[in-house]
C-alpha atoms as a PDB file:
ATOM      1  CA  UNK A   1    -115.214   3.187  80.875  1.00  0.00           C
ATOM      2  CA  UNK A   2    -112.623   5.462  82.528  1.00  0.00           C
ATOM      3  CA  UNK A   3    -111.028   6.310  79.190  1.00  0.00           C
ATOM      4  CA  UNK A   4    -114.370   7.366  77.813  1.00  0.00           C
ATOM      5  CA  UNK A   5    -115.038   9.613  80.814  1.00  0.00           C
ATOM      6  CA  UNK A   6    -111.589  11.207  80.541  1.00  0.00           C
ATOM      7  CA  UNK A   7    -112.067  11.707  76.789  1.00  0.00           C
ATOM      8  CA  UNK A   8    -115.428  13.368  77.369  1.00  0.00           C
ATOM      9  CA  UNK A   9    -113.958  15.534  80.150  1.00  0.00           C
ATOM     10  CA  UNK A  10    -110.991  16.536  77.976  1.00  0.00           C
ATOM     11  CA  UNK A  11    -113.250  17.497  75.110  1.00  0.00           C
ATOM     12  CA  UNK A  12    -115.414  19.633  77.410  1.00  0.00           C
ATOM     13  CA  UNK A  13    -112.369  21.341  78.855  1.00  0.00           C
ATOM     14  CA  UNK A  14    -111.046  22.049  75.304  1.00  0.00           C
ATOM     15  CA  UNK A  15    -114.412  23.501  74.314  1.00  0.00           C
ATOM     16  CA  UNK A  16    -114.410  25.731  77.447  1.00  0.00           C
ATOM     17  CA  UNK A  17    -110.863  26.978  76.728  1.00  0.00           C
ATOM     18  CA  UNK A  18    -111.786  27.645  73.037  1.00  0.00           C
ATOM     19  CA  UNK A  19    -114.831  29.638  74.198  1.00  0.00           C
ATOM     20  CA  UNK A  20    -112.741  31.533  76.748  1.00  0.00           C
ATOM     21  CA  UNK A  21    -110.185  32.483  74.089  1.00  0.00           C
ATOM     22  CA  UNK A  22    -112.931  33.630  71.766  1.00  0.00           C
ATOM     23  CA  UNK A  23    -114.444  35.793  74.487  1.00  0.00           C
ATOM     24  CA  UNK A  24    -111.030  37.351  75.305  1.00  0.00           C
ATOM     25  CA  UNK A  25    -110.582  38.234  71.587  1.00  0.00           C
ATOM     26  CA  UNK A  26    -114.061  39.689  71.425  1.00  0.00           C
ATOM     27  CA  UNK A  27    -113.434  41.731  74.551  1.00  0.00           C
ATOM     28  CA  UNK A  28    -110.224  43.162  73.031  1.00  0.00           C
ATOM     29  CA  UNK A  29    -112.160  44.162  69.902  1.00  0.00           C
ATOM     30  CA  UNK A  30    -114.947  45.750  71.932  1.00  0.00           C
ATOM     31  CA  UNK A  31    -112.472  47.692  74.080  1.00  0.00           C
ATOM     32  CA  UNK A  32    -110.835  49.030  70.923  1.00  0.00           C
ATOM     33  CA  UNK A  33    -114.198  50.006  69.493  1.00  0.00           C
ATOM     34  CA  UNK A  34    -115.252  51.630  72.723  1.00  0.00           C
ATOM     35  CA  UNK A  35    -112.016  53.689  72.736  1.00  0.00           C
ATOM     36  CA  UNK A  36    -112.602  54.742  69.128  1.00  0.00           C
ATOM     37  CA  UNK A  37    -116.180  55.777  69.876  1.00  0.00           C
ATOM     38  CA  UNK A  38    -115.106  57.757  72.929  1.00  0.00           C
ATOM     39  CA  UNK A  39    -112.556  59.673  70.823  1.00  0.00           C
ATOM     40  CA  UNK A  40    -115.157  60.265  68.117  1.00  0.00           C
ATOM     41  CA  UNK A  41    -117.576  61.636  70.731  1.00  0.00           C
ATOM     42  CA  UNK A  42    -114.903  63.970  72.089  1.00  0.00           C
ATOM     43  CA  UNK A  43    -114.347  65.252  68.546  1.00  0.00           C
ATOM     44  CA  UNK A  44    -118.031  65.938  68.038  1.00  0.00           C
ATOM     45  CA  UNK A  45    -118.188  67.636  71.443  1.00  0.00           C
ATOM     46  CA  UNK A  46    -115.317  69.914  70.503  1.00  0.00           C
ATOM     47  CA  UNK A  47    -116.886  70.793  67.183  1.00  0.00           C
ATOM     48  CA  UNK A  48    -120.298  71.473  68.797  1.00  0.00           C
ATOM     49  CA  UNK A  49    -118.693  73.644  71.450  1.00  0.00           C
ATOM     50  CA  UNK A  50    -116.925  75.689  68.735  1.00  0.00           C
ATOM     51  CA  UNK A  51    -120.172  76.147  66.845  1.00  0.00           C
ATOM     52  CA  UNK A  52    -122.016  77.244  70.012  1.00  0.00           C
ATOM     53  CA  UNK A  53    -119.288  79.834  70.709  1.00  0.00           C
ATOM     54  CA  UNK A  54    -119.664  81.207  67.219  1.00  0.00           C
ATOM     55  CA  UNK A  55    -123.417  81.464  67.680  1.00  0.00           C
ATOM     56  CA  UNK A  56    -122.973  83.299  70.986  1.00  0.00           C
ATOM     57  CA  UNK A  57    -121.028  85.935  69.081  1.00  0.00           C
ATOM     58  CA  UNK A  58    -123.875  86.667  66.764  1.00  0.00           C
END
């Protein structure tokens, strides 16, 4: 009986650790995507500001 309980506990711990590792990988990917989107937004902002300055000169 004890061996079965330890085996079940070990399996649950392994599943938790696998899930934790998967979440860490996903978090890294999401952080990279967030950084990329922030840079893209800054680029758009710069372009829009330049267009607005040109329009002010008209």
